[in-house]
């Protein structure tokens, strides 16, 4: 079992064996879900990110500087 501590800033290091087993690389995006007392960490697919970015470009009514300013801090 690999273990890691959380720093005072809420950061942790994913152990090398875990990174290698999950094929995690510099710049990868992770998602986090909490189910009771379990934490599920998933590697996000770059294809999914590209899809969402492409989709946002088709929603012109929500793609304005005013909307960006209104929703930026959420």
PDB file of N, CA and C in Angstrom:
ATOM      1  N   UNK A   1       0.845  -1.175   0.000  1.00  0.00           N
ATOM      2  CA  UNK A   1       0.000   0.000   0.000  1.00  0.00           C
ATOM      3  C   UNK A   1       0.887   1.234   0.000  1.00  0.00           C
ATOM      4  N   UNK A   2       0.607   2.146  -0.908  1.00  0.00           N
ATOM      5  CA  UNK A   2       1.336   3.412  -0.959  1.00  0.00           C
ATOM      6  C   UNK A   2       0.546   4.454  -0.184  1.00  0.00           C
ATOM      7  N   UNK A   3       1.268   5.329   0.510  1.00  0.00           N
ATOM      8  CA  UNK A   3       0.623   6.356   1.324  1.00  0.00           C
ATOM      9  C   UNK A   3       1.275   7.705   1.065  1.00  0.00           C
ATOM     10  N   UNK A   4       0.526   8.774   1.373  1.00  0.00           N
ATOM     11  CA  UNK A   4       1.051  10.132   1.239  1.00  0.00           C
ATOM     12  C   UNK A   4       0.389  11.005   2.287  1.00  0.00           C
ATOM     13  N   UNK A   5       1.059  12.060   2.690  1.00  0.00           N
ATOM     14  CA  UNK A   5       0.512  13.021   3.654  1.00  0.00           C
ATOM     15  C   UNK A   5       0.014  14.251   2.919  1.00  0.00           C
ATOM     16  N   UNK A   6      -0.924  14.941   3.551  1.00  0.00           N
ATOM     17  CA  UNK A   6      -1.421  16.209   3.031  1.00  0.00           C
ATOM     18  C   UNK A   6      -0.702  17.325   3.770  1.00  0.00           C
ATOM     19  N   UNK A   7      -0.194  18.306   3.018  1.00  0.00           N
ATOM     20  CA  UNK A   7       0.537  19.421   3.620  1.00  0.00           C
ATOM     21  C   UNK A   7      -0.450  20.431   4.216  1.00  0.00           C
ATOM     22  N   UNK A   8       0.078  21.427   4.908  1.00  0.00           N
ATOM     23  CA  UNK A   8      -0.763  22.467   5.498  1.00  0.00           C
ATOM     24  C   UNK A   8      -1.494  23.270   4.429  1.00  0.00           C
ATOM     25  N   UNK A   9      -1.017  23.222   3.200  1.00  0.00           N
ATOM     26  CA  UNK A   9      -1.664  23.921   2.082  1.00  0.00           C
ATOM     27  C   UNK A   9      -2.632  23.019   1.328  1.00  0.00           C
ATOM     28  N   UNK A  10      -2.878  21.815   1.841  1.00  0.00           N
ATOM     29  CA  UNK A  10      -3.816  20.896   1.210  1.00  0.00           C
ATOM     30  C   UNK A  10      -3.241  20.159   0.014  1.00  0.00           C
ATOM     31  N   UNK A  11      -1.935  20.126  -0.100  1.00  0.00           N
ATOM     32  CA  UNK A  11      -1.288  19.466  -1.234  1.00  0.00           C
ATOM     33  C   UNK A  11      -0.749  18.109  -0.820  1.00  0.00           C
ATOM     34  N   UNK A  12      -0.606  17.232  -1.807  1.00  0.00           N
ATOM     35  CA  UNK A  12      -0.017  15.925  -1.574  1.00  0.00           C
ATOM     36  C   UNK A  12       0.756  15.501  -2.813  1.00  0.00           C
ATOM     37  N   UNK A  13       1.599  14.519  -2.663  1.00  0.00           N
ATOM     38  CA  UNK A  13       2.334  13.949  -3.792  1.00  0.00           C
ATOM     39  C   UNK A  13       1.781  12.563  -4.046  1.00  0.00           C
ATOM     40  N   UNK A  14       1.432  12.309  -5.297  1.00  0.00           N
ATOM     41  CA  UNK A  14       0.965  10.973  -5.657  1.00  0.00           C
ATOM     42  C   UNK A  14       2.203  10.099  -5.785  1.00  0.00           C
ATOM     43  N   UNK A  15       2.255   9.006  -5.034  1.00  0.00           N
ATOM     44  CA  UNK A  15       3.446   8.152  -5.084  1.00  0.00           C
ATOM     45  C   UNK A  15       3.774   7.697  -6.511  1.00  0.00           C
ATOM     46  N   UNK A  16       5.047   7.549  -6.796  1.00  0.00           N
ATOM     47  CA  UNK A  16       5.518   7.218  -8.138  1.00  0.00           C
ATOM     48  C   UNK A  16       4.878   5.938  -8.658  1.00  0.00           C
ATOM     49  N   UNK A  17       4.794   4.903  -7.827  1.00  0.00           N
ATOM     50  CA  UNK A  17       4.198   3.634  -8.284  1.00  0.00           C
ATOM     51  C   UNK A  17       2.743   3.826  -8.698  1.00  0.00           C
ATOM     52  N   UNK A  18       2.016   4.685  -7.994  1.00  0.00           N
ATOM     53  CA  UNK A  18       0.616   4.960  -8.328  1.00  0.00           C
ATOM     54  C   UNK A  18       0.545   5.746  -9.637  1.00  0.00           C
ATOM     55  N   UNK A  19       1.406   6.771  -9.786  1.00  0.00           N
ATOM     56  CA  UNK A  19       1.437   7.558 -11.032  1.00  0.00           C
ATOM     57  C   UNK A  19       1.719   6.660 -12.228  1.00  0.00           C
ATOM     58  N   UNK A  20       2.685   5.766 -12.073  1.00  0.00           N
ATOM     59  CA  UNK A  20       3.034   4.868 -13.174  1.00  0.00           C
ATOM     60  C   UNK A  20       1.893   3.901 -13.479  1.00  0.00           C
ATOM     61  N   UNK A  21       1.288   3.329 -12.450  1.00  0.00           N
ATOM     62  CA  UNK A  21       0.204   2.361 -12.649  1.00  0.00           C
ATOM     63  C   UNK A  21      -1.014   3.018 -13.309  1.00  0.00           C
ATOM     64  N   UNK A  22      -1.276   4.295 -12.985  1.00  0.00           N
ATOM     65  CA  UNK A  22      -2.427   5.013 -13.542  1.00  0.00           C
ATOM     66  C   UNK A  22      -2.059   5.785 -14.804  1.00  0.00           C
ATOM     67  N   UNK A  23      -0.807   5.677 -15.237  1.00  0.00           N
ATOM     68  CA  UNK A  23      -0.311   6.404 -16.418  1.00  0.00           C
ATOM     69  C   UNK A  23      -0.572   7.909 -16.285  1.00  0.00           C
ATOM     70  N   UNK A  24      -0.232   8.469 -15.125  1.00  0.00           N
ATOM     71  CA  UNK A  24      -0.387   9.899 -14.878  1.00  0.00           C
ATOM     72  C   UNK A  24       0.888  10.614 -15.284  1.00  0.00           C
ATOM     73  N   UNK A  25       0.722  11.728 -15.972  1.00  0.00           N
ATOM     74  CA  UNK A  25       1.867  12.492 -16.467  1.00  0.00           C
ATOM     75  C   UNK A  25       1.701  13.968 -16.146  1.00  0.00           C
ATOM     76  N   UNK A  26       2.783  14.701 -16.245  1.00  0.00           N
ATOM     77  CA  UNK A  26       2.774  16.134 -16.028  1.00  0.00           C
ATOM     78  C   UNK A  26       1.689  16.794 -16.877  1.00  0.00           C
ATOM     79  N   UNK A  27       0.867  17.614 -16.253  1.00  0.00           N
ATOM     80  CA  UNK A  27      -0.186  18.326 -16.974  1.00  0.00           C
ATOM     81  C   UNK A  27      -1.515  17.603 -17.033  1.00  0.00           C
ATOM     82  N   UNK A  28      -1.567  16.339 -16.610  1.00  0.00           N
ATOM     83  CA  UNK A  28      -2.844  15.621 -16.608  1.00  0.00           C
ATOM     84  C   UNK A  28      -3.823  16.286 -15.649  1.00  0.00           C
ATOM     85  N   UNK A  29      -5.098  16.176 -15.952  1.00  0.00           N
ATOM     86  CA  UNK A  29      -6.155  16.711 -15.097  1.00  0.00           C
ATOM     87  C   UNK A  29      -6.823  15.564 -14.364  1.00  0.00           C
ATOM     88  N   UNK A  30      -7.049  15.749 -13.065  1.00  0.00           N
ATOM     89  CA  UNK A  30      -7.697  14.737 -12.244  1.00  0.00           C
ATOM     90  C   UNK A  30      -9.035  15.266 -11.753  1.00  0.00           C
ATOM     91  N   UNK A  31      -9.993  14.359 -11.566  1.00  0.00           N
ATOM     92  CA  UNK A  31     -11.264  14.724 -10.945  1.00  0.00           C
ATOM     93  C   UNK A  31     -11.364  13.992  -9.609  1.00  0.00           C
ATOM     94  N   UNK A  32     -12.104  14.588  -8.684  1.00  0.00           N
ATOM     95  CA  UNK A  32     -12.242  14.030  -7.345  1.00  0.00           C
ATOM     96  C   UNK A  32     -13.721  13.889  -7.001  1.00  0.00           C
ATOM     97  N   UNK A  33     -14.104  12.746  -6.452  1.00  0.00           N
ATOM     98  CA  UNK A  33     -15.453  12.504  -5.964  1.00  0.00           C
ATOM     99  C   UNK A  33     -15.347  11.912  -4.562  1.00  0.00           C
ATOM    100  N   UNK A  34     -16.281  12.282  -3.708  1.00  0.00           N
ATOM    101  CA  UNK A  34     -16.330  11.727  -2.360  1.00  0.00           C
ATOM    102  C   UNK A  34     -17.592  10.878  -2.239  1.00  0.00           C
ATOM    103  N   UNK A  35     -17.419   9.637  -1.820  1.00  0.00           N
ATOM    104  CA  UNK A  35     -18.521   8.709  -1.577  1.00  0.00           C
ATOM    105  C   UNK A  35     -18.384   8.217  -0.139  1.00  0.00           C
ATOM    106  N   UNK A  36     -19.146   8.831   0.760  1.00  0.00           N
ATOM    107  CA  UNK A  36     -19.019   8.482   2.176  1.00  0.00           C
ATOM    108  C   UNK A  36     -17.634   8.851   2.660  1.00  0.00           C
ATOM    109  N   UNK A  37     -16.882   7.859   3.149  1.00  0.00           N
ATOM    110  CA  UNK A  37     -15.516   8.142   3.599  1.00  0.00           C
ATOM    111  C   UNK A  37     -14.469   7.694   2.579  1.00  0.00           C
ATOM    112  N   UNK A  38     -14.905   7.488   1.321  1.00  0.00           N
ATOM    113  CA  UNK A  38     -13.986   7.088   0.256  1.00  0.00           C
ATOM    114  C   UNK A  38     -13.780   8.242  -0.717  1.00  0.00           C
ATOM    115  N   UNK A  39     -12.565   8.389  -1.178  1.00  0.00           N
ATOM    116  CA  UNK A  39     -12.208   9.392  -2.174  1.00  0.00           C
ATOM    117  C   UNK A  39     -11.877   8.667  -3.475  1.00  0.00           C
ATOM    118  N   UNK A  40     -12.538   9.059  -4.552  1.00  0.00           N
ATOM    119  CA  UNK A  40     -12.293   8.476  -5.869  1.00  0.00           C
ATOM    120  C   UNK A  40     -11.598   9.535  -6.716  1.00  0.00           C
ATOM    121  N   UNK A  41     -10.423   9.186  -7.234  1.00  0.00           N
ATOM    122  CA  UNK A  41      -9.650  10.089  -8.078  1.00  0.00           C
ATOM    123  C   UNK A  41      -9.611   9.470  -9.469  1.00  0.00           C
ATOM    124  N   UNK A  42      -9.956  10.279 -10.476  1.00  0.00           N
ATOM    125  CA  UNK A  42      -9.959   9.786 -11.855  1.00  0.00           C
ATOM    126  C   UNK A  42      -9.122  10.705 -12.740  1.00  0.00           C
ATOM    127  N   UNK A  43      -8.425  10.108 -13.685  1.00  0.00           N
ATOM    128  CA  UNK A  43      -7.714  10.871 -14.699  1.00  0.00           C
ATOM    129  C   UNK A  43      -8.744  11.295 -15.743  1.00  0.00           C
ATOM    130  N   UNK A  44      -8.770  12.588 -16.036  1.00  0.00           N
ATOM    131  CA  UNK A  44      -9.699  13.101 -17.032  1.00  0.00           C
ATOM    132  C   UNK A  44      -9.129  12.859 -18.420  1.00  0.00           C
ATOM    133  N   UNK A  45      -9.971  12.515 -19.321  1.00  0.00           N
ATOM    134  CA  UNK A  45      -9.562  12.261 -20.691  1.00  0.00           C
ATOM    135  C   UNK A  45      -9.375  13.580 -21.433  1.00  0.00           C
ATOM    136  N   UNK A  46      -8.252  13.759 -22.114  1.00  0.00           N
ATOM    137  CA  UNK A  46      -8.075  14.983 -22.895  1.00  0.00           C
ATOM    138  C   UNK A  46      -9.144  15.134 -23.963  1.00  0.00           C
ATOM    139  N   UNK A  47      -9.656  14.024 -24.475  1.00  0.00           N
ATOM    140  CA  UNK A  47     -10.723  14.077 -25.472  1.00  0.00           C
ATOM    141  C   UNK A  47     -11.961  14.711 -24.857  1.00  0.00           C
ATOM    142  N   UNK A  48     -12.269  14.367 -23.601  1.00  0.00           N
ATOM    143  CA  UNK A  48     -13.417  14.955 -22.923  1.00  0.00           C
ATOM    144  C   UNK A  48     -13.262  16.455 -22.765  1.00  0.00           C
ATOM    145  N   UNK A  49     -12.065  16.908 -22.428  1.00  0.00           N
ATOM    146  CA  UNK A  49     -11.820  18.339 -22.281  1.00  0.00           C
ATOM    147  C   UNK A  49     -11.986  19.048 -23.621  1.00  0.00           C
ATOM    148  N   UNK A  50     -11.489  18.443 -24.699  1.00  0.00           N
ATOM    149  CA  UNK A  50     -11.620  19.038 -26.025  1.00  0.00           C
ATOM    150  C   UNK A  50     -13.089  19.103 -26.424  1.00  0.00           C
ATOM    151  N   UNK A  51     -13.835  18.061 -26.102  1.00  0.00           N
ATOM    152  CA  UNK A  51     -15.267  18.049 -26.412  1.00  0.00           C
ATOM    153  C   UNK A  51     -15.975  19.202 -25.718  1.00  0.00           C
ATOM    154  N   UNK A  52     -15.703  19.373 -24.424  1.00  0.00           N
ATOM    155  CA  UNK A  52     -16.361  20.451 -23.680  1.00  0.00           C
ATOM    156  C   UNK A  52     -15.956  21.819 -24.213  1.00  0.00           C
ATOM    157  N   UNK A  53     -14.696  21.981 -24.567  1.00  0.00           N
ATOM    158  CA  UNK A  53     -14.248  23.253 -25.132  1.00  0.00           C
ATOM    159  C   UNK A  53     -14.951  23.515 -26.464  1.00  0.00           C
ATOM    160  N   UNK A  54     -15.035  22.497 -27.305  1.00  0.00           N
ATOM    161  CA  UNK A  54     -15.719  22.638 -28.588  1.00  0.00           C
ATOM    162  C   UNK A  54     -17.194  22.945 -28.415  1.00  0.00           C
ATOM    163  N   UNK A  55     -17.813  22.288 -27.459  1.00  0.00           N
ATOM    164  CA  UNK A  55     -19.223  22.532 -27.180  1.00  0.00           C
ATOM    165  C   UNK A  55     -19.447  23.962 -26.728  1.00  0.00           C
ATOM    166  N   UNK A  56     -18.583  24.480 -25.886  1.00  0.00           N
ATOM    167  CA  UNK A  56     -18.753  25.845 -25.381  1.00  0.00           C
ATOM    168  C   UNK A  56     -18.690  26.865 -26.506  1.00  0.00           C
ATOM    169  N   UNK A  57     -17.949  26.551 -27.573  1.00  0.00           N
ATOM    170  CA  UNK A  57     -17.848  27.477 -28.699  1.00  0.00           C
ATOM    171  C   UNK A  57     -19.145  27.555 -29.498  1.00  0.00           C
ATOM    172  N   UNK A  58     -19.996  26.524 -29.384  1.00  0.00           N
ATOM    173  CA  UNK A  58     -21.267  26.527 -30.118  1.00  0.00           C
ATOM    174  C   UNK A  58     -22.380  27.227 -29.349  1.00  0.00           C
ATOM    175  N   UNK A  59     -22.146  27.549 -28.106  1.00  0.00           N
ATOM    176  CA  UNK A  59     -23.166  28.173 -27.262  1.00  0.00           C
ATOM    177  C   UNK A  59     -22.917  29.675 -27.200  1.00  0.00           C
ATOM    178  N   UNK A  60     -23.086  30.334 -28.333  1.00  0.00           N
ATOM    179  CA  UNK A  60     -22.758  31.756 -28.436  1.00  0.00           C
ATOM    180  C   UNK A  60     -23.501  32.625 -27.435  1.00  0.00           C
ATOM    181  N   UNK A  61     -24.722  32.252 -27.095  1.00  0.00           N
ATOM    182  CA  UNK A  61     -25.482  33.096 -26.171  1.00  0.00           C
ATOM    183  C   UNK A  61     -24.871  33.111 -24.769  1.00  0.00           C
ATOM    184  N   UNK A  62     -23.997  32.143 -24.457  1.00  0.00           N
ATOM    185  CA  UNK A  62     -23.339  32.104 -23.148  1.00  0.00           C
ATOM    186  C   UNK A  62     -21.847  32.370 -23.270  1.00  0.00           C
ATOM    187  N   UNK A  63     -21.422  32.866 -24.398  1.00  0.00           N
ATOM    188  CA  UNK A  63     -20.001  33.017 -24.658  1.00  0.00           C
ATOM    189  C   UNK A  63     -19.675  34.494 -24.911  1.00  0.00           C
ATOM    190  N   UNK A  64     -19.831  35.289 -23.861  1.00  0.00           N
ATOM    191  CA  UNK A  64     -19.549  36.716 -24.002  1.00  0.00           C
ATOM    192  C   UNK A  64     -18.673  37.174 -22.838  1.00  0.00           C
ATOM    193  N   UNK A  65     -17.988  38.285 -22.980  1.00  0.00           N
ATOM    194  CA  UNK A  65     -17.181  38.818 -21.866  1.00  0.00           C
ATOM    195  C   UNK A  65     -18.040  39.079 -20.630  1.00  0.00           C
ATOM    196  N   UNK A  66     -19.287  39.492 -20.827  1.00  0.00           N
ATOM    197  CA  UNK A  66     -20.168  39.757 -19.687  1.00  0.00           C
ATOM    198  C   UNK A  66     -20.493  38.469 -18.926  1.00  0.00           C
ATOM    199  N   UNK A  67     -20.771  37.400 -19.664  1.00  0.00           N
ATOM    200  CA  UNK A  67     -21.034  36.122 -19.009  1.00  0.00           C
ATOM    201  C   UNK A  67     -19.784  35.607 -18.306  1.00  0.00           C
ATOM    202  N   UNK A  68     -18.631  35.738 -18.935  1.00  0.00           N
ATOM    203  CA  UNK A  68     -17.375  35.312 -18.318  1.00  0.00           C
ATOM    204  C   UNK A  68     -17.160  36.045 -16.998  1.00  0.00           C
ATOM    205  N   UNK A  69     -17.395  37.333 -16.985  1.00  0.00           N
ATOM    206  CA  UNK A  69     -17.227  38.118 -15.760  1.00  0.00           C
ATOM    207  C   UNK A  69     -18.235  37.702 -14.691  1.00  0.00           C
ATOM    208  N   UNK A  70     -19.473  37.465 -15.091  1.00  0.00           N
ATOM    209  CA  UNK A  70     -20.525  37.108 -14.135  1.00  0.00           C
ATOM    210  C   UNK A  70     -20.281  35.747 -13.500  1.00  0.00           C
ATOM    211  N   UNK A  71     -19.729  34.778 -14.240  1.00  0.00           N
ATOM    212  CA  UNK A  71     -19.588  33.411 -13.754  1.00  0.00           C
ATOM    213  C   UNK A  71     -18.169  33.043 -13.341  1.00  0.00           C
ATOM    214  N   UNK A  72     -17.201  33.934 -13.507  1.00  0.00           N
ATOM    215  CA  UNK A  72     -15.780  33.628 -13.284  1.00  0.00           C
ATOM    216  C   UNK A  72     -15.483  33.039 -11.914  1.00  0.00           C
ATOM    217  N   UNK A  73     -16.066  33.556 -10.857  1.00  0.00           N
ATOM    218  CA  UNK A  73     -15.701  33.146  -9.495  1.00  0.00           C
ATOM    219  C   UNK A  73     -16.520  31.976  -8.957  1.00  0.00           C
ATOM    220  N   UNK A  74     -17.354  31.380  -9.772  1.00  0.00           N
ATOM    221  CA  UNK A  74     -18.179  30.251  -9.281  1.00  0.00           C
ATOM    222  C   UNK A  74     -17.433  28.966  -9.286  1.00  0.00           C
TER     223      UNK A  74
END
